Amino acid sequence: MLLLAALFIVACCQKQDEMLTQESQWQKIEAMFDEYKNNHFPEVPSFTVEELKNKIDDRNFIIVDVRSPKERAVSFIPTSIPKEKFEKNKGKYGDASIITYCTIGYRSGLYAKKLREGKINARNLKGGVLAWAHHRNHFTDKEGRNKKQIHVYGKDWALVPEEYEAVW
């Protein structure tokens, strides 16, 4: 009985440590994003994961993945299109709202800034694929399969929840 109680306490502490680790990861993601935004593209409005989730199937919102083809080959947010496809077909999207994303929001913030300078209604996904993962949303691959792997920009950005695998 005493052994079971001890195992229960250990299991609870491990779960609490895991939650703290994920919470500290999320705090680091937010801090990094805020630093990038404040220093490089303060005029670009952010779009949250919650907002994106509500609009993911809305044809008036175009989700643009600005990561490299190598990164996108691992997985991407469903319904998103590569930056290259968007660039080739800008005129096709008319008055749609553009939501840009990358690993955490730096590259996509710079791209959204460029689009806004060209009078395109672009916003940046706060926290990028890392935020998407921390909100327990799924990723897909080009065959439409759900993926738990996420290509992040590098080791410093490997801030994914335990059930996901960061690759770089």
Protein backbone atom coordinates (compact mmCIF):
# COMPACT_ATOMS: atom_id res chain seq x y z
CA MET A 1 0.00 0.00 0.00
CA LEU A 2 2.80 2.37 0.91
CA LEU A 3 4.55 1.49 -2.36
CA LEU A 4 1.42 2.33 -4.37
CA ALA A 5 1.09 5.67 -2.60
CA ALA A 6 4.74 6.47 -3.33
CA LEU A 7 4.32 5.54 -7.01
CA PHE A 8 1.22 7.72 -7.23
CA ILE A 9 3.09 10.69 -5.75
CA VAL A 10 6.01 10.19 -8.16
CA ALA A 11 3.63 9.94 -11.13
CA CYS A 12 1.83 13.12 -10.07
CA CYS A 13 5.11 14.99 -9.64
CA GLN A 14 6.34 13.85 -13.06
CA LYS A 15 3.08 15.03 -14.67
CA GLN A 16 3.40 18.36 -12.86
CA ASP A 17 7.03 18.70 -14.04
CA GLU A 18 5.91 17.93 -17.62
CA MET A 19 3.23 20.62 -17.37
CA LEU A 20 5.77 23.09 -16.02
CA THR A 21 8.13 22.23 -18.86
CA GLN A 22 5.39 22.78 -21.44
CA GLU A 23 4.35 25.98 -19.67
CA SER A 24 7.94 27.24 -19.67
CA GLN A 25 8.23 26.30 -23.36
CA TRP A 26 5.10 28.31 -24.10
CA GLN A 27 6.46 31.27 -22.11
CA LYS A 28 9.69 31.13 -24.13
CA ILE A 29 7.73 30.98 -27.40
CA GLU A 30 5.68 34.03 -26.41
CA ALA A 31 8.76 35.95 -25.26
CA MET A 32 10.66 35.19 -28.47
CA PHE A 33 7.69 36.15 -30.63
CA ASP A 34 7.11 39.38 -28.71
CA GLU A 35 10.78 40.33 -29.04
CA TYR A 36 10.74 39.71 -32.80
CA LYS A 37 7.49 41.63 -33.26
CA ASN A 38 8.52 44.61 -31.13
CA ASN A 39 11.92 44.94 -32.80
CA HIS A 40 11.19 44.08 -36.44
CA PHE A 41 7.51 44.39 -37.37
CA PRO A 42 5.54 46.20 -34.66
CA GLU A 43 3.00 47.47 -37.21
CA VAL A 44 1.99 43.95 -38.32
CA PRO A 45 -1.15 42.71 -36.56
CA SER A 46 -0.93 39.28 -34.98
CA PHE A 47 -3.47 36.50 -35.41
CA THR A 48 -3.84 33.90 -32.66
CA VAL A 49 -4.15 30.15 -33.04
CA GLU A 50 -7.69 30.35 -31.63
CA GLU A 51 -8.66 32.90 -34.30
CA LEU A 52 -7.05 30.82 -37.04
CA LYS A 53 -8.76 27.64 -35.90
CA ASN A 54 -12.13 29.40 -36.29
CA LYS A 55 -11.23 30.59 -39.80
CA ILE A 56 -9.28 27.62 -41.18
CA ASP A 57 -12.03 26.63 -43.63
CA ASP A 58 -13.07 30.19 -44.49
CA ARG A 59 -12.25 30.95 -48.13
CA ASN A 60 -11.75 34.61 -47.21
CA PHE A 61 -8.63 33.63 -45.27
CA ILE A 62 -5.52 32.39 -47.05
CA ILE A 63 -2.93 30.73 -44.81
CA VAL A 64 0.57 31.14 -46.20
CA ASP A 65 3.46 28.99 -44.98
CA VAL A 66 6.67 30.97 -45.45
CA ARG A 67 8.96 28.14 -44.33
CA SER A 68 11.28 26.49 -46.85
CA PRO A 69 10.14 23.57 -49.02
CA LYS A 70 12.34 21.30 -46.86
CA GLU A 71 10.51 22.40 -43.71
CA ARG A 72 7.10 22.14 -45.34
CA ALA A 73 7.88 18.63 -46.63
CA VAL A 74 7.79 17.37 -43.04
CA SER A 75 4.38 18.82 -42.18
CA PHE A 76 2.26 21.95 -42.34
CA ILE A 77 -0.92 23.50 -41.01
CA PRO A 78 -3.90 22.06 -42.94
CA THR A 79 -5.27 24.23 -45.80
CA SER A 80 -2.10 26.36 -45.90
CA ILE A 81 -0.27 27.06 -49.12
CA PRO A 82 3.45 27.63 -49.71
CA LYS A 83 4.68 31.20 -50.06
CA GLU A 84 5.85 30.38 -53.60
CA LYS A 85 2.32 29.39 -54.69
CA PHE A 86 0.89 32.52 -53.11
CA GLU A 87 3.48 34.70 -54.87
CA LYS A 88 2.63 33.19 -58.27
CA ASN A 89 -1.11 33.73 -57.76
CA LYS A 90 -1.41 36.93 -55.67
CA GLY A 91 -4.08 38.40 -57.92
CA LYS A 92 -6.26 35.32 -57.57
CA TYR A 93 -6.85 35.94 -53.86
CA GLY A 94 -8.50 39.36 -54.23
CA ASP A 95 -9.64 40.82 -50.92
CA ALA A 96 -8.83 37.73 -48.86
CA SER A 97 -7.12 38.15 -45.51
CA ILE A 98 -3.66 36.63 -45.54
CA ILE A 99 -2.34 34.85 -42.47
CA THR A 100 1.40 34.12 -42.60
CA TYR A 101 3.29 31.63 -40.45
CA CYS A 102 6.68 30.00 -39.94
CA THR A 103 8.28 28.23 -36.98
CA ILE A 104 7.61 30.98 -34.42
CA GLY A 105 6.66 34.09 -36.37
CA TYR A 106 9.86 35.91 -37.28
CA ARG A 107 10.15 35.11 -41.00
CA SER A 108 6.38 35.26 -41.43
CA GLY A 109 6.26 38.61 -39.63
CA LEU A 110 8.79 40.06 -42.04
CA TYR A 111 6.82 38.64 -44.98
CA ALA A 112 3.52 40.01 -43.63
CA LYS A 113 5.22 43.41 -43.27
CA LYS A 114 6.28 43.27 -46.92
CA LEU A 115 2.77 42.28 -48.02
CA ARG A 116 1.21 45.09 -45.98
CA GLU A 117 3.60 47.57 -47.59
CA GLY A 118 2.12 46.35 -50.91
CA LYS A 119 -1.41 47.06 -49.59
CA ILE A 120 -2.25 43.39 -48.92
CA ASN A 121 -4.22 42.66 -45.75
CA ALA A 122 -1.71 40.35 -44.04
CA ARG A 123 -1.42 39.28 -40.42
CA ASN A 124 1.13 37.07 -38.71
CA LEU A 125 0.31 33.90 -36.75
CA LYS A 126 1.55 34.50 -33.21
CA GLY A 127 3.93 31.68 -32.29
CA GLY A 128 3.74 29.93 -35.69
CA VAL A 129 3.80 26.13 -35.85
CA LEU A 130 4.98 26.01 -32.24
CA ALA A 131 1.82 27.73 -31.03
CA TRP A 132 -0.26 25.50 -33.32
CA ALA A 133 1.31 22.43 -31.68
CA HIS A 134 0.94 23.75 -28.13
CA HIS A 135 -2.77 24.19 -28.77
CA ARG A 136 -2.88 20.48 -29.74
CA ASN A 137 -3.86 21.05 -33.35
CA HIS A 138 -2.86 18.57 -36.00
CA PHE A 139 -0.44 18.93 -38.87
CA THR A 140 -0.63 17.23 -42.22
CA ASP A 141 1.69 16.18 -45.02
CA LYS A 142 1.27 16.45 -48.79
CA GLU A 143 -0.64 13.14 -48.84
CA GLY A 144 -3.13 14.51 -46.29
CA ARG A 145 -1.96 12.28 -43.44
CA ASN A 146 -1.85 13.63 -39.88
CA LYS A 147 1.70 14.18 -38.68
CA LYS A 148 3.29 14.54 -35.26
CA GLN A 149 6.61 15.72 -36.72
CA ILE A 150 7.27 19.42 -37.10
CA HIS A 151 10.23 20.93 -38.88
CA VAL A 152 11.40 23.83 -36.76
CA TYR A 153 14.02 26.37 -37.73
CA GLY A 154 16.72 24.86 -35.51
CA LYS A 155 17.56 23.41 -32.12
CA ASP A 156 16.75 26.66 -30.26
CA TRP A 157 13.20 26.43 -31.62
CA ALA A 158 12.61 22.79 -30.64
CA LEU A 159 9.93 23.89 -28.17
CA VAL A 160 7.27 21.31 -28.99
CA PRO A 161 4.91 19.46 -26.65
CA GLU A 162 5.94 15.94 -25.70
CA GLU A 163 3.65 14.19 -28.20
CA TYR A 164 5.28 16.01 -31.13
CA GLU A 165 8.72 15.49 -32.60
CA ALA A 166 10.80 18.49 -33.62
CA VAL A 167 13.13 17.99 -36.56
CA TRP A 168 15.58 20.44 -38.13
